[in-house]
Amino acid sequence: MDSDKNDLMLRTVRESIQSLYQDIEKHRYVIGSILEGQSEGQTHRSLCSRELRLKAAIREAVEVLDESRKAFKSKRLETLRRQLTQALAETESLY
């Protein structure tokens, strides 16, 4: 039973990470568009929207990891949670 919960948690984290990677690729595209001279206002709105979704996904992943830490004593998941929390804090301190 614990194994099933652990598998579900790991799958959820992997899916969240995959979603984050996809958002990163979208950001690369937007930045490339900016560098190629597309409308800055249009690209900025798109970037802000994607950034908000990316931050929301990271927050959700951190929440899931935080909830699971009582059930699973995984140092890797704890490390991942701390890294995501730190990355969120760093991005929010930039603004």
Foldseek 3Di string as FASTA:
>chain_A
DLVVVVVVLVVLLVVLVVVLVVLVVVVVVLVVCVVVPDDPVVSVVVNVVSVVVNLVSLVVNLVSLVVCCVSDVDPVSVVVSVVSVVVSVVVVVVD
